[in-house]
PDB file of N, CA and C in Angstrom:
ATOM      1  N   MET A   1      37.461 -88.224  30.100  1.00  0.00           N
ATOM      2  CA  MET A   1      36.146 -88.315  29.524  1.00  0.00           C
ATOM      3  C   MET A   1      35.164 -87.585  30.433  1.00  0.00           C
ATOM      4  N   THR A   2      34.287 -86.786  29.853  1.00  0.00           N
ATOM      5  CA  THR A   2      33.269 -86.046  30.598  1.00  0.00           C
ATOM      6  C   THR A   2      31.954 -86.804  30.541  1.00  0.00           C
ATOM      7  N   VAL A   3      31.346 -86.986  31.704  1.00  0.00           N
ATOM      8  CA  VAL A   3      30.051 -87.654  31.767  1.00  0.00           C
ATOM      9  C   VAL A   3      28.969 -86.581  31.712  1.00  0.00           C
ATOM     10  N   LEU A   4      28.130 -86.654  30.686  1.00  0.00           N
ATOM     11  CA  LEU A   4      27.076 -85.665  30.529  1.00  0.00           C
ATOM     12  C   LEU A   4      25.743 -86.126  31.089  1.00  0.00           C
ATOM     13  N   ASP A   5      25.533 -87.413  31.130  1.00  0.00           N
ATOM     14  CA  ASP A   5      24.257 -87.949  31.584  1.00  0.00           C
ATOM     15  C   ASP A   5      24.532 -89.172  32.437  1.00  0.00           C
ATOM     16  N   SER A   6      24.274 -89.069  33.720  1.00  0.00           N
ATOM     17  CA  SER A   6      24.575 -90.165  34.632  1.00  0.00           C
ATOM     18  C   SER A   6      23.368 -91.067  34.892  1.00  0.00           C
ATOM     19  N   ARG A   7      22.255 -90.828  34.166  1.00  0.00           N
ATOM     20  CA  ARG A   7      21.078 -91.670  34.347  1.00  0.00           C
ATOM     21  C   ARG A   7      21.345 -93.069  33.804  1.00  0.00           C
ATOM     22  N   THR A   8      20.721 -94.050  34.426  1.00  0.00           N
ATOM     23  CA  THR A   8      20.811 -95.412  33.907  1.00  0.00           C
ATOM     24  C   THR A   8      19.769 -95.582  32.808  1.00  0.00           C
ATOM     25  N   VAL A   9      19.819 -96.680  32.092  1.00  0.00           N
ATOM     26  CA  VAL A   9      18.840 -96.951  31.044  1.00  0.00           C
ATOM     27  C   VAL A   9      17.438 -97.003  31.641  1.00  0.00           C
ATOM     28  N   ALA A  10      17.293 -97.594  32.815  1.00  0.00           N
ATOM     29  CA  ALA A  10      15.979 -97.674  33.471  1.00  0.00           C
ATOM     30  C   ALA A  10      15.458 -96.277  33.800  1.00  0.00           C
ATOM     31  N   ASP A  11      16.337 -95.384  34.301  1.00  0.00           N
ATOM     32  CA  ASP A  11      15.930 -94.012  34.605  1.00  0.00           C
ATOM     33  C   ASP A  11      15.449 -93.294  33.349  1.00  0.00           C
ATOM     34  N   ALA A  12      16.185 -93.466  32.252  1.00  0.00           N
ATOM     35  CA  ALA A  12      15.828 -92.801  31.002  1.00  0.00           C
ATOM     36  C   ALA A  12      14.493 -93.323  30.477  1.00  0.00           C
ATOM     37  N   ALA A  13      14.250 -94.625  30.587  1.00  0.00           N
ATOM     38  CA  ALA A  13      12.983 -95.206  30.128  1.00  0.00           C
ATOM     39  C   ALA A  13      11.825 -94.695  30.968  1.00  0.00           C
ATOM     40  N   GLU A  14      12.029 -94.574  32.277  1.00  0.00           N
ATOM     41  CA  GLU A  14      10.975 -94.071  33.166  1.00  0.00           C
ATOM     42  C   GLU A  14      10.661 -92.612  32.851  1.00  0.00           C
ATOM     43  N   ALA A  15      11.708 -91.808  32.624  1.00  0.00           N
ATOM     44  CA  ALA A  15      11.502 -90.392  32.304  1.00  0.00           C
ATOM     45  C   ALA A  15      10.762 -90.239  30.986  1.00  0.00           C
ATOM     46  N   ALA A  16      11.054 -91.104  30.015  1.00  0.00           N
ATOM     47  CA  ALA A  16      10.386 -91.032  28.722  1.00  0.00           C
ATOM     48  C   ALA A  16       8.912 -91.413  28.847  1.00  0.00           C
ATOM     49  N   ALA A  17       8.584 -92.268  29.815  1.00  0.00           N
ATOM     50  CA  ALA A  17       7.204 -92.717  30.003  1.00  0.00           C
ATOM     51  C   ALA A  17       6.338 -91.621  30.629  1.00  0.00           C
ATOM     52  N   VAL A  18       6.930 -90.661  31.312  1.00  0.00           N
ATOM     53  CA  VAL A  18       6.193 -89.561  31.940  1.00  0.00           C
ATOM     54  C   VAL A  18       6.036 -88.447  30.912  1.00  0.00           C
ATOM     55  N   ASP A  19       4.804 -88.065  30.644  1.00  0.00           N
ATOM     56  CA  ASP A  19       4.540 -87.012  29.667  1.00  0.00           C
ATOM     57  C   ASP A  19       4.603 -85.659  30.378  1.00  0.00           C
ATOM     58  N   ALA A  20       5.588 -84.869  30.033  1.00  0.00           N
ATOM     59  CA  ALA A  20       5.794 -83.573  30.684  1.00  0.00           C
ATOM     60  C   ALA A  20       4.643 -82.606  30.438  1.00  0.00           C
ATOM     61  N   ARG A  21       3.770 -82.902  29.483  1.00  0.00           N
ATOM     62  CA  ARG A  21       2.624 -82.032  29.204  1.00  0.00           C
ATOM     63  C   ARG A  21       1.440 -82.330  30.110  1.00  0.00           C
ATOM     64  N   ASP A  22       1.495 -83.438  30.848  1.00  0.00           N
ATOM     65  CA  ASP A  22       0.410 -83.824  31.754  1.00  0.00           C
ATOM     66  C   ASP A  22       0.257 -82.748  32.829  1.00  0.00           C
ATOM     67  N   PRO A  23      -0.976 -82.274  33.061  1.00  0.00           N
ATOM     68  CA  PRO A  23      -1.166 -81.206  34.045  1.00  0.00           C
ATOM     69  C   PRO A  23      -0.669 -81.559  35.448  1.00  0.00           C
ATOM     70  N   LEU A  24      -0.856 -82.806  35.871  1.00  0.00           N
ATOM     71  CA  LEU A  24      -0.392 -83.164  37.216  1.00  0.00           C
ATOM     72  C   LEU A  24       1.129 -83.188  37.296  1.00  0.00           C
ATOM     73  N   VAL A  25       1.785 -83.553  36.207  1.00  0.00           N
ATOM     74  CA  VAL A  25       3.252 -83.501  36.177  1.00  0.00           C
ATOM     75  C   VAL A  25       3.705 -82.045  36.267  1.00  0.00           C
ATOM     76  N   ARG A  26       3.055 -81.178  35.504  1.00  0.00           N
ATOM     77  CA  ARG A  26       3.418 -79.760  35.516  1.00  0.00           C
ATOM     78  C   ARG A  26       3.144 -79.137  36.886  1.00  0.00           C
ATOM     79  N   LEU A  27       1.995 -79.468  37.474  1.00  0.00           N
ATOM     80  CA  LEU A  27       1.684 -78.942  38.811  1.00  0.00           C
ATOM     81  C   LEU A  27       2.662 -79.489  39.851  1.00  0.00           C
ATOM     82  N   GLY A  28       3.154 -80.693  39.629  1.00  0.00           N
ATOM     83  CA  GLY A  28       4.135 -81.286  40.547  1.00  0.00           C
ATOM     84  C   GLY A  28       5.426 -80.496  40.620  1.00  0.00           C
ATOM     85  N   HIS A  29       5.743 -79.759  39.557  1.00  0.00           N
ATOM     86  CA  HIS A  29       6.946 -78.914  39.575  1.00  0.00           C
ATOM     87  C   HIS A  29       6.715 -77.634  40.376  1.00  0.00           C
ATOM     88  N   LEU A  30       5.471 -77.228  40.503  1.00  0.00           N
ATOM     89  CA  LEU A  30       5.114 -76.009  41.229  1.00  0.00           C
ATOM     90  C   LEU A  30       4.871 -76.271  42.708  1.00  0.00           C
ATOM     91  N   LEU A  31       4.173 -77.351  43.003  1.00  0.00           N
ATOM     92  CA  LEU A  31       3.717 -77.608  44.370  1.00  0.00           C
ATOM     93  C   LEU A  31       4.684 -78.502  45.147  1.00  0.00           C
ATOM     94  N   ASP A  32       4.615 -78.397  46.464  1.00  0.00           N
ATOM     95  CA  ASP A  32       5.461 -79.218  47.329  1.00  0.00           C
ATOM     96  C   ASP A  32       5.186 -80.698  47.089  1.00  0.00           C
ATOM     97  N   GLU A  33       6.246 -81.486  47.140  1.00  0.00           N
ATOM     98  CA  GLU A  33       6.131 -82.922  46.915  1.00  0.00           C
ATOM     99  C   GLU A  33       5.137 -83.557  47.884  1.00  0.00           C
ATOM    100  N   GLY A  34       4.241 -84.370  47.341  1.00  0.00           N
ATOM    101  CA  GLY A  34       3.270 -85.090  48.158  1.00  0.00           C
ATOM    102  C   GLY A  34       2.071 -84.280  48.601  1.00  0.00           C
ATOM    103  N   SER A  35       1.967 -83.015  48.170  1.00  0.00           N
ATOM    104  CA  SER A  35       0.870 -82.178  48.659  1.00  0.00           C
ATOM    105  C   SER A  35      -0.310 -82.086  47.691  1.00  0.00           C
ATOM    106  N   ILE A  36      -0.183 -82.620  46.494  1.00  0.00           N
ATOM    107  CA  ILE A  36      -1.237 -82.477  45.482  1.00  0.00           C
ATOM    108  C   ILE A  36      -2.452 -83.332  45.810  1.00  0.00           C
ATOM    109  N   ARG A  37      -3.633 -82.669  45.823  1.00  0.00           N
ATOM    110  CA  ARG A  37      -4.913 -83.348  46.020  1.00  0.00           C
ATOM    111  C   ARG A  37      -5.865 -82.848  44.928  1.00  0.00           C
ATOM    112  N   PRO A  38      -6.179 -83.684  43.919  1.00  0.00           N
ATOM    113  CA  PRO A  38      -7.074 -83.242  42.846  1.00  0.00           C
ATOM    114  C   PRO A  38      -8.461 -82.851  43.371  1.00  0.00           C
ATOM    115  N   ILE A  39      -9.002 -81.776  42.808  1.00  0.00           N
ATOM    116  CA  ILE A  39     -10.362 -81.349  43.162  1.00  0.00           C
ATOM    117  C   ILE A  39     -11.276 -81.411  41.941  1.00  0.00           C
ATOM    118  N   THR A  40     -10.729 -81.811  40.797  1.00  0.00           N
ATOM    119  CA  THR A  40     -11.522 -82.046  39.593  1.00  0.00           C
ATOM    120  C   THR A  40     -11.154 -83.421  39.062  1.00  0.00           C
ATOM    121  N   PRO A  41     -12.071 -84.067  38.346  1.00  0.00           N
ATOM    122  CA  PRO A  41     -11.790 -85.406  37.832  1.00  0.00           C
ATOM    123  C   PRO A  41     -10.840 -85.364  36.634  1.00  0.00           C
ATOM    124  N   GLU A  42     -10.201 -86.490  36.374  1.00  0.00           N
ATOM    125  CA  GLU A  42      -9.420 -86.617  35.150  1.00  0.00           C
ATOM    126  C   GLU A  42     -10.415 -86.910  34.031  1.00  0.00           C
ATOM    127  N   ASP A  43     -10.506 -85.992  33.082  1.00  0.00           N
ATOM    128  CA  ASP A  43     -11.462 -86.127  31.991  1.00  0.00           C
ATOM    129  C   ASP A  43     -10.866 -85.525  30.725  1.00  0.00           C
ATOM    130  N   LYS A  44     -11.675 -85.289  29.748  1.00  0.00           N
ATOM    131  CA  LYS A  44     -11.216 -84.744  28.463  1.00  0.00           C
ATOM    132  C   LYS A  44     -11.413 -83.227  28.374  1.00  0.00           C
ATOM    133  N   SER A  45     -11.617 -82.557  29.516  1.00  0.00           N
ATOM    134  CA  SER A  45     -11.915 -81.127  29.509  1.00  0.00           C
ATOM    135  C   SER A  45     -10.720 -80.263  29.147  1.00  0.00           C
ATOM    136  N   GLY A  46      -9.520 -80.754  29.363  1.00  0.00           N
ATOM    137  CA  GLY A  46      -8.330 -79.968  29.070  1.00  0.00           C
ATOM    138  C   GLY A  46      -7.797 -79.180  30.249  1.00  0.00           C
ATOM    139  N   VAL A  47      -8.271 -79.474  31.457  1.00  0.00           N
ATOM    140  CA  VAL A  47      -7.767 -78.766  32.645  1.00  0.00           C
ATOM    141  C   VAL A  47      -7.905 -79.667  33.864  1.00  0.00           C
ATOM    142  N   ARG A  48      -6.964 -79.526  34.795  1.00  0.00           N
ATOM    143  CA  ARG A  48      -7.036 -80.198  36.100  1.00  0.00           C
ATOM    144  C   ARG A  48      -6.845 -79.146  37.167  1.00  0.00           C
ATOM    145  N   ALA A  49      -7.574 -79.286  38.253  1.00  0.00           N
ATOM    146  CA  ALA A  49      -7.444 -78.381  39.390  1.00  0.00           C
ATOM    147  C   ALA A  49      -7.115 -79.205  40.624  1.00  0.00           C
ATOM    148  N   VAL A  50      -6.267 -78.639  41.478  1.00  0.00           N
ATOM    149  CA  VAL A  50      -5.805 -79.347  42.671  1.00  0.00           C
ATOM    150  C   VAL A  50      -5.659 -78.372  43.831  1.00  0.00           C
ATOM    151  N   THR A  51      -5.604 -78.934  45.025  1.00  0.00           N
ATOM    152  CA  THR A  51      -5.114 -78.181  46.171  1.00  0.00           C
ATOM    153  C   THR A  51      -3.726 -78.716  46.461  1.00  0.00           C
ATOM    154  N   GLY A  52      -2.933 -77.917  47.120  1.00  0.00           N
ATOM    155  CA  GLY A  52      -1.577 -78.335  47.459  1.00  0.00           C
ATOM    156  C   GLY A  52      -0.902 -77.269  48.298  1.00  0.00           C
ATOM    157  N   ARG A  53       0.396 -77.332  48.335  1.00  0.00           N
ATOM    158  CA  ARG A  53       1.176 -76.360  49.107  1.00  0.00           C
ATOM    159  C   ARG A  53       2.368 -75.882  48.294  1.00  0.00           C
ATOM    160  N   VAL A  54       2.707 -74.608  48.477  1.00  0.00           N
ATOM    161  CA  VAL A  54       3.920 -74.032  47.904  1.00  0.00           C
ATOM    162  C   VAL A  54       4.737 -73.524  49.077  1.00  0.00           C
ATOM    163  N   GLU A  55       5.879 -74.156  49.297  1.00  0.00           N
ATOM    164  CA  GLU A  55       6.721 -73.839  50.450  1.00  0.00           C
ATOM    165  C   GLU A  55       5.911 -73.867  51.743  1.00  0.00           C
ATOM    166  N   GLY A  56       5.012 -74.846  51.836  1.00  0.00           N
ATOM    167  CA  GLY A  56       4.216 -75.052  53.042  1.00  0.00           C
ATOM    168  C   GLY A  56       2.926 -74.259  53.117  1.00  0.00           C
ATOM    169  N   VAL A  57       2.721 -73.328  52.195  1.00  0.00           N
ATOM    170  CA  VAL A  57       1.520 -72.486  52.204  1.00  0.00           C
ATOM    171  C   VAL A  57       0.428 -73.153  51.361  1.00  0.00           C
ATOM    172  N   PRO A  58      -0.783 -73.333  51.913  1.00  0.00           N
ATOM    173  CA  PRO A  58      -1.867 -73.945  51.138  1.00  0.00           C
ATOM    174  C   PRO A  58      -2.255 -73.078  49.943  1.00  0.00           C
ATOM    175  N   VAL A  59      -2.485 -73.724  48.797  1.00  0.00           N
ATOM    176  CA  VAL A  59      -2.902 -73.034  47.583  1.00  0.00           C
ATOM    177  C   VAL A  59      -3.882 -73.906  46.804  1.00  0.00           C
ATOM    178  N   VAL A  60      -4.588 -73.270  45.883  1.00  0.00           N
ATOM    179  CA  VAL A  60      -5.370 -73.972  44.871  1.00  0.00           C
ATOM    180  C   VAL A  60      -4.696 -73.642  43.546  1.00  0.00           C
ATOM    181  N   ALA A  61      -4.499 -74.650  42.713  1.00  0.00           N
ATOM    182  CA  ALA A  61      -3.851 -74.427  41.426  1.00  0.00           C
ATOM    183  C   ALA A  61      -4.590 -75.194  40.342  1.00  0.00           C
ATOM    184  N   PHE A  62      -4.542 -74.655  39.141  1.00  0.00           N
ATOM    185  CA  PHE A  62      -5.090 -75.395  38.011  1.00  0.00           C
ATOM    186  C   PHE A  62      -4.127 -75.277  36.845  1.00  0.00           C
ATOM    187  N   CYS A  63      -4.246 -76.236  35.933  1.00  0.00           N
ATOM    188  CA  CYS A  63      -3.308 -76.303  34.830  1.00  0.00           C
ATOM    189  C   CYS A  63      -4.015 -76.825  33.592  1.00  0.00           C
ATOM    190  N   SER A  64      -3.760 -76.163  32.474  1.00  0.00           N
ATOM    191  CA  SER A  64      -4.321 -76.661  31.216  1.00  0.00           C
ATOM    192  C   SER A  64      -3.532 -77.886  30.777  1.00  0.00           C
ATOM    193  N   ASP A  65      -4.189 -78.742  30.049  1.00  0.00           N
ATOM    194  CA  ASP A  65      -3.575 -79.972  29.561  1.00  0.00           C
ATOM    195  C   ASP A  65      -3.018 -79.710  28.169  1.00  0.00           C
ATOM    196  N   ALA A  66      -1.703 -79.600  28.076  1.00  0.00           N
ATOM    197  CA  ALA A  66      -1.059 -79.282  26.806  1.00  0.00           C
ATOM    198  C   ALA A  66      -1.203 -80.414  25.786  1.00  0.00           C
ATOM    199  N   ARG A  67      -1.714 -81.548  26.223  1.00  0.00           N
ATOM    200  CA  ARG A  67      -1.944 -82.660  25.293  1.00  0.00           C
ATOM    201  C   ARG A  67      -3.273 -82.519  24.569  1.00  0.00           C
ATOM    202  N   VAL A  68      -4.118 -81.586  25.020  1.00  0.00           N
ATOM    203  CA  VAL A  68      -5.441 -81.384  24.443  1.00  0.00           C
ATOM    204  C   VAL A  68      -5.423 -80.099  23.626  1.00  0.00           C
ATOM    205  N   GLN A  69      -5.732 -80.201  22.339  1.00  0.00           N
ATOM    206  CA  GLN A  69      -5.742 -79.014  21.500  1.00  0.00           C
ATOM    207  C   GLN A  69      -6.808 -78.050  21.992  1.00  0.00           C
ATOM    208  N   GLY A  70      -6.430 -76.805  22.142  1.00  0.00           N
ATOM    209  CA  GLY A  70      -7.376 -75.808  22.615  1.00  0.00           C
ATOM    210  C   GLY A  70      -7.423 -75.688  24.129  1.00  0.00           C
ATOM    211  N   GLY A  71      -6.709 -76.555  24.833  1.00  0.00           N
ATOM    212  CA  GLY A  71      -6.681 -76.481  26.293  1.00  0.00           C
ATOM    213  C   GLY A  71      -8.071 -76.542  26.888  1.00  0.00           C
ATOM    214  N   ALA A  72      -8.381 -75.627  27.779  1.00  0.00           N
ATOM    215  CA  ALA A  72      -9.648 -75.654  28.517  1.00  0.00           C
ATOM    216  C   ALA A  72     -10.660 -74.672  27.941  1.00  0.00           C
ATOM    217  N   MET A  73     -10.765 -74.617  26.645  1.00  0.00           N
ATOM    218  CA  MET A  73     -11.672 -73.653  26.029  1.00  0.00           C
ATOM    219  C   MET A  73     -13.128 -74.087  26.084  1.00  0.00           C
ATOM    220  N   GLY A  74     -13.409 -75.355  26.316  1.00  0.00           N
ATOM    221  CA  GLY A  74     -14.785 -75.828  26.394  1.00  0.00           C
ATOM    222  C   GLY A  74     -15.428 -75.458  27.714  1.00  0.00           C
ATOM    223  N   SER A  75     -16.723 -75.622  27.778  1.00  0.00           N
ATOM    224  CA  SER A  75     -17.453 -75.243  28.990  1.00  0.00           C
ATOM    225  C   SER A  75     -17.044 -76.107  30.186  1.00  0.00           C
ATOM    226  N   GLU A  76     -16.775 -77.393  29.968  1.00  0.00           N
ATOM    227  CA  GLU A  76     -16.390 -78.261  31.082  1.00  0.00           C
ATOM    228  C   GLU A  76     -15.048 -77.830  31.687  1.00  0.00           C
ATOM    229  N   GLY A  77     -14.078 -77.509  30.836  1.00  0.00           N
ATOM    230  CA  GLY A  77     -12.789 -77.034  31.337  1.00  0.00           C
ATOM    231  C   GLY A  77     -12.924 -75.727  32.086  1.00  0.00           C
ATOM    232  N   CYS A  78     -13.749 -74.837  31.548  1.00  0.00           N
ATOM    233  CA  CYS A  78     -13.972 -73.551  32.215  1.00  0.00           C
ATOM    234  C   CYS A  78     -14.665 -73.737  33.558  1.00  0.00           C
ATOM    235  N   GLU A  79     -15.576 -74.707  33.632  1.00  0.00           N
ATOM    236  CA  GLU A  79     -16.233 -74.989  34.917  1.00  0.00           C
ATOM    237  C   GLU A  79     -15.209 -75.461  35.949  1.00  0.00           C
ATOM    238  N   HIS A  80     -14.213 -76.236  35.516  1.00  0.00           N
ATOM    239  CA  HIS A  80     -13.163 -76.681  36.439  1.00  0.00           C
ATOM    240  C   HIS A  80     -12.362 -75.483  36.957  1.00  0.00           C
ATOM    241  N   ILE A  81     -12.084 -74.537  36.072  1.00  0.00           N
ATOM    242  CA  ILE A  81     -11.325 -73.344  36.477  1.00  0.00           C
ATOM    243  C   ILE A  81     -12.141 -72.513  37.466  1.00  0.00           C
ATOM    244  N   VAL A  82     -13.407 -72.309  37.162  1.00  0.00           N
ATOM    245  CA  VAL A  82     -14.273 -71.546  38.075  1.00  0.00           C
ATOM    246  C   VAL A  82     -14.373 -72.261  39.423  1.00  0.00           C
ATOM    247  N   HIS A  83     -14.478 -73.591  39.392  1.00  0.00           N
ATOM    248  CA  HIS A  83     -14.516 -74.369  40.640  1.00  0.00           C
ATOM    249  C   HIS A  83     -13.241 -74.147  41.450  1.00  0.00           C
ATOM    250  N   ALA A  84     -12.093 -74.136  40.767  1.00  0.00           N
ATOM    251  CA  ALA A  84     -10.823 -73.902  41.472  1.00  0.00           C
ATOM    252  C   ALA A  84     -10.834 -72.538  42.163  1.00  0.00           C
ATOM    253  N   TYR A  85     -11.286 -71.509  41.454  1.00  0.00           N
ATOM    254  CA  TYR A  85     -11.361 -70.179  42.068  1.00  0.00           C
ATOM    255  C   TYR A  85     -12.356 -70.164  43.228  1.00  0.00           C
ATOM    256  N   ASP A  86     -13.485 -70.845  43.072  1.00  0.00           N
ATOM    257  CA  ASP A  86     -14.468 -70.916  44.155  1.00  0.00           C
ATOM    258  C   ASP A  86     -13.863 -71.559  45.406  1.00  0.00           C
ATOM    259  N   VAL A  87     -13.110 -72.644  45.217  1.00  0.00           N
ATOM    260  CA  VAL A  87     -12.459 -73.315  46.351  1.00  0.00           C
ATOM    261  C   VAL A  87     -11.444 -72.378  46.995  1.00  0.00           C
ATOM    262  N   ALA A  88     -10.663 -71.666  46.178  1.00  0.00           N
ATOM    263  CA  ALA A  88      -9.664 -70.742  46.729  1.00  0.00           C
ATOM    264  C   ALA A  88     -10.318 -69.637  47.550  1.00  0.00           C
ATOM    265  N   VAL A  89     -11.431 -69.106  47.051  1.00  0.00           N
ATOM    266  CA  VAL A  89     -12.140 -68.040  47.781  1.00  0.00           C
ATOM    267  C   VAL A  89     -12.721 -68.603  49.073  1.00  0.00           C
ATOM    268  N   ARG A  90     -13.375 -69.761  48.967  1.00  0.00           N
ATOM    269  CA  ARG A  90     -13.996 -70.370  50.151  1.00  0.00           C
ATOM    270  C   ARG A  90     -12.950 -70.706  51.223  1.00  0.00           C
ATOM    271  N   GLU A  91     -11.803 -71.240  50.787  1.00  0.00           N
ATOM    272  CA  GLU A  91     -10.749 -71.631  51.733  1.00  0.00           C
ATOM    273  C   GLU A  91      -9.827 -70.465  52.105  1.00  0.00           C
ATOM    274  N   ARG A  92     -10.016 -69.337  51.432  1.00  0.00           N
ATOM    275  CA  ARG A  92      -9.198 -68.141  51.674  1.00  0.00           C
ATOM    276  C   ARG A  92      -7.708 -68.426  51.492  1.00  0.00           C
ATOM    277  N   VAL A  93      -7.406 -69.043  50.342  1.00  0.00           N
ATOM    278  CA  VAL A  93      -6.011 -69.353  50.007  1.00  0.00           C
ATOM    279  C   VAL A  93      -5.702 -68.781  48.626  1.00  0.00           C
ATOM    280  N   PRO A  94      -4.421 -68.552  48.333  1.00  0.00           N
ATOM    281  CA  PRO A  94      -4.053 -68.047  47.003  1.00  0.00           C
ATOM    282  C   PRO A  94      -4.341 -69.081  45.927  1.00  0.00           C
ATOM    283  N   SER A  95      -4.462 -68.608  44.698  1.00  0.00           N
ATOM    284  CA  SER A  95      -4.637 -69.513  43.563  1.00  0.00           C
ATOM    285  C   SER A  95      -3.520 -69.262  42.563  1.00  0.00           C
ATOM    286  N   SER A  96      -3.224 -70.294  41.780  1.00  0.00           N
ATOM    287  CA  SER A  96      -2.176 -70.203  40.776  1.00  0.00           C
ATOM    288  C   SER A  96      -2.620 -70.961  39.538  1.00  0.00           C
ATOM    289  N   ALA A  97      -2.194 -70.496  38.376  1.00  0.00           N
ATOM    290  CA  ALA A  97      -2.561 -71.150  37.118  1.00  0.00           C
ATOM    291  C   ALA A  97      -1.307 -71.456  36.314  1.00  0.00           C
ATOM    292  N   CYS A  98      -1.269 -72.644  35.728  1.00  0.00           N
ATOM    293  CA  CYS A  98      -0.236 -73.024  34.763  1.00  0.00           C
ATOM    294  C   CYS A  98      -0.943 -73.149  33.439  1.00  0.00           C
ATOM    295  N   GLY A  99      -0.538 -72.383  32.474  1.00  0.00           N
ATOM    296  CA  GLY A  99      -1.214 -72.445  31.188  1.00  0.00           C
ATOM    297  C   GLY A  99      -0.255 -72.677  30.043  1.00  0.00           C
ATOM    298  N   THR A 100      -0.818 -72.760  28.882  1.00  0.00           N
ATOM    299  CA  THR A 100      -0.059 -72.832  27.644  1.00  0.00           C
ATOM    300  C   THR A 100      -0.531 -71.664  26.800  1.00  0.00           C
ATOM    301  N   PRO A 101       0.146 -71.328  25.715  1.00  0.00           N
ATOM    302  CA  PRO A 101      -0.297 -70.185  24.908  1.00  0.00           C
ATOM    303  C   PRO A 101      -1.786 -70.298  24.551  1.00  0.00           C
ATOM    304  N   ALA A 102      -2.497 -69.203  24.717  1.00  0.00           N
ATOM    305  CA  ALA A 102      -3.946 -69.118  24.469  1.00  0.00           C
ATOM    306  C   ALA A 102      -4.717 -70.040  25.390  1.00  0.00           C
ATOM    307  N   ALA A 103      -4.161 -70.289  26.580  1.00  0.00           N
ATOM    308  CA  ALA A 103      -4.819 -71.149  27.555  1.00  0.00           C
ATOM    309  C   ALA A 103      -5.549 -70.293  28.580  1.00  0.00           C
ATOM    310  N   PRO A 104      -5.945 -70.877  29.729  1.00  0.00           N
ATOM    311  CA  PRO A 104      -6.829 -70.195  30.664  1.00  0.00           C
ATOM    312  C   PRO A 104      -6.430 -68.799  31.119  1.00  0.00           C
ATOM    313  N   GLY A 105      -5.151 -68.430  31.073  1.00  0.00           N
ATOM    314  CA  GLY A 105      -4.751 -67.113  31.556  1.00  0.00           C
ATOM    315  C   GLY A 105      -4.989 -65.993  30.565  1.00  0.00           C
ATOM    316  N   SER A 106      -5.284 -66.295  29.307  1.00  0.00           N
ATOM    317  CA  SER A 106      -5.432 -65.248  28.298  1.00  0.00           C
ATOM    318  C   SER A 106      -6.751 -64.500  28.489  1.00  0.00           C
ATOM    319  N   PRO A 107      -6.786 -63.217  28.121  1.00  0.00           N
ATOM    320  CA  PRO A 107      -8.030 -62.454  28.278  1.00  0.00           C
ATOM    321  C   PRO A 107      -9.201 -63.098  27.533  1.00  0.00           C
ATOM    322  N   ARG A 108      -8.942 -63.635  26.343  1.00  0.00           N
ATOM    323  CA  ARG A 108     -10.012 -64.281  25.570  1.00  0.00           C
ATOM    324  C   ARG A 108     -10.573 -65.480  26.320  1.00  0.00           C
ATOM    325  N   ALA A 109      -9.677 -66.297  26.866  1.00  0.00           N
ATOM    326  CA  ALA A 109     -10.116 -67.475  27.613  1.00  0.00           C
ATOM    327  C   ALA A 109     -10.836 -67.066  28.890  1.00  0.00           C
ATOM    328  N   ARG A 110     -10.307 -66.050  29.580  1.00  0.00           N
ATOM    329  CA  ARG A 110     -10.927 -65.600  30.822  1.00  0.00           C
ATOM    330  C   ARG A 110     -12.358 -65.139  30.543  1.00  0.00           C
ATOM    331  N   SER A 111     -12.538 -64.444  29.428  1.00  0.00           N
ATOM    332  CA  SER A 111     -13.868 -63.987  29.055  1.00  0.00           C
ATOM    333  C   SER A 111     -14.795 -65.172  28.793  1.00  0.00           C
ATOM    334  N   ARG A 112     -14.302 -66.185  28.061  1.00  0.00           N
ATOM    335  CA  ARG A 112     -15.111 -67.364  27.789  1.00  0.00           C
ATOM    336  C   ARG A 112     -15.473 -68.090  29.078  1.00  0.00           C
ATOM    337  N   CYS A 113     -14.499 -68.195  29.975  1.00  0.00           N
ATOM    338  CA  CYS A 113     -14.741 -68.915  31.231  1.00  0.00           C
ATOM    339  C   CYS A 113     -15.760 -68.197  32.088  1.00  0.00           C
ATOM    340  N   THR A 114     -15.654 -66.894  32.182  1.00  0.00           N
ATOM    341  CA  THR A 114     -16.607 -66.181  33.034  1.00  0.00           C
ATOM    342  C   THR A 114     -18.001 -66.247  32.432  1.00  0.00           C
ATOM    343  N   ARG A 115     -18.111 -66.179  31.107  1.00  0.00           N
ATOM    344  CA  ARG A 115     -19.431 -66.296  30.472  1.00  0.00           C
ATOM    345  C   ARG A 115     -20.021 -67.681  30.693  1.00  0.00           C
ATOM    346  N   SER A 116     -19.167 -68.746  30.577  1.00  0.00           N
ATOM    347  CA  SER A 116     -19.694 -70.105  30.734  1.00  0.00           C
ATOM    348  C   SER A 116     -20.126 -70.359  32.168  1.00  0.00           C
ATOM    349  N   ALA A 117     -19.591 -69.601  33.114  1.00  0.00           N
ATOM    350  CA  ALA A 117     -19.971 -69.757  34.510  1.00  0.00           C
ATOM    351  C   ALA A 117     -21.138 -68.862  34.898  1.00  0.00           C
ATOM    352  N   GLY A 118     -21.642 -68.116  33.915  1.00  0.00           N
ATOM    353  CA  GLY A 118     -22.782 -67.249  34.187  1.00  0.00           C
ATOM    354  C   GLY A 118     -22.393 -65.903  34.751  1.00  0.00           C
ATOM    355  N   CYS A 119     -21.141 -65.511  34.599  1.00  0.00           N
ATOM    356  CA  CYS A 119     -20.654 -64.234  35.099  1.00  0.00           C
ATOM    357  C   CYS A 119     -20.344 -63.332  33.902  1.00  0.00           C
ATOM    358  N   SER A 120     -20.197 -62.057  34.158  1.00  0.00           N
ATOM    359  CA  SER A 120     -19.730 -61.180  33.103  1.00  0.00           C
ATOM    360  C   SER A 120     -18.256 -60.888  33.346  1.00  0.00           C
ATOM    361  N   PRO A 121     -17.451 -60.779  32.284  1.00  0.00           N
ATOM    362  CA  PRO A 121     -16.014 -60.550  32.461  1.00  0.00           C
ATOM    363  C   PRO A 121     -15.752 -59.225  33.178  1.00  0.00           C
ATOM    364  N   PRO A 122     -14.650 -59.174  33.957  1.00  0.00           N
ATOM    365  CA  PRO A 122     -14.313 -57.928  34.672  1.00  0.00           C
ATOM    366  C   PRO A 122     -13.889 -56.831  33.733  1.00  0.00           C
TER     367      PRO A 122
END
């Protein structure tokens, strides 16, 4: 007999309780364990920004919330993204983005974000 899944019932229930679309869960796959420090509040904006480390190197990262339709298209979400970039520039560290289709990395979204922050798109 081949064992395909060695998780216990408790493990499976715990995994089901964690929503893989949650931005902090998604950022947890990118950043070193235990290094995540949120720099934006948990709200309905559709984006979370954090500081953390990737292989020991300090970074700023943000992620759209795949549970929110439209992701970070609103002004509040865009302000969180601009804040993340501001922190990265101020701290002189790399930045990284986790998005979903038509999320913060798209040219349309980037244009909206720069306009909402009072900048003109590049």
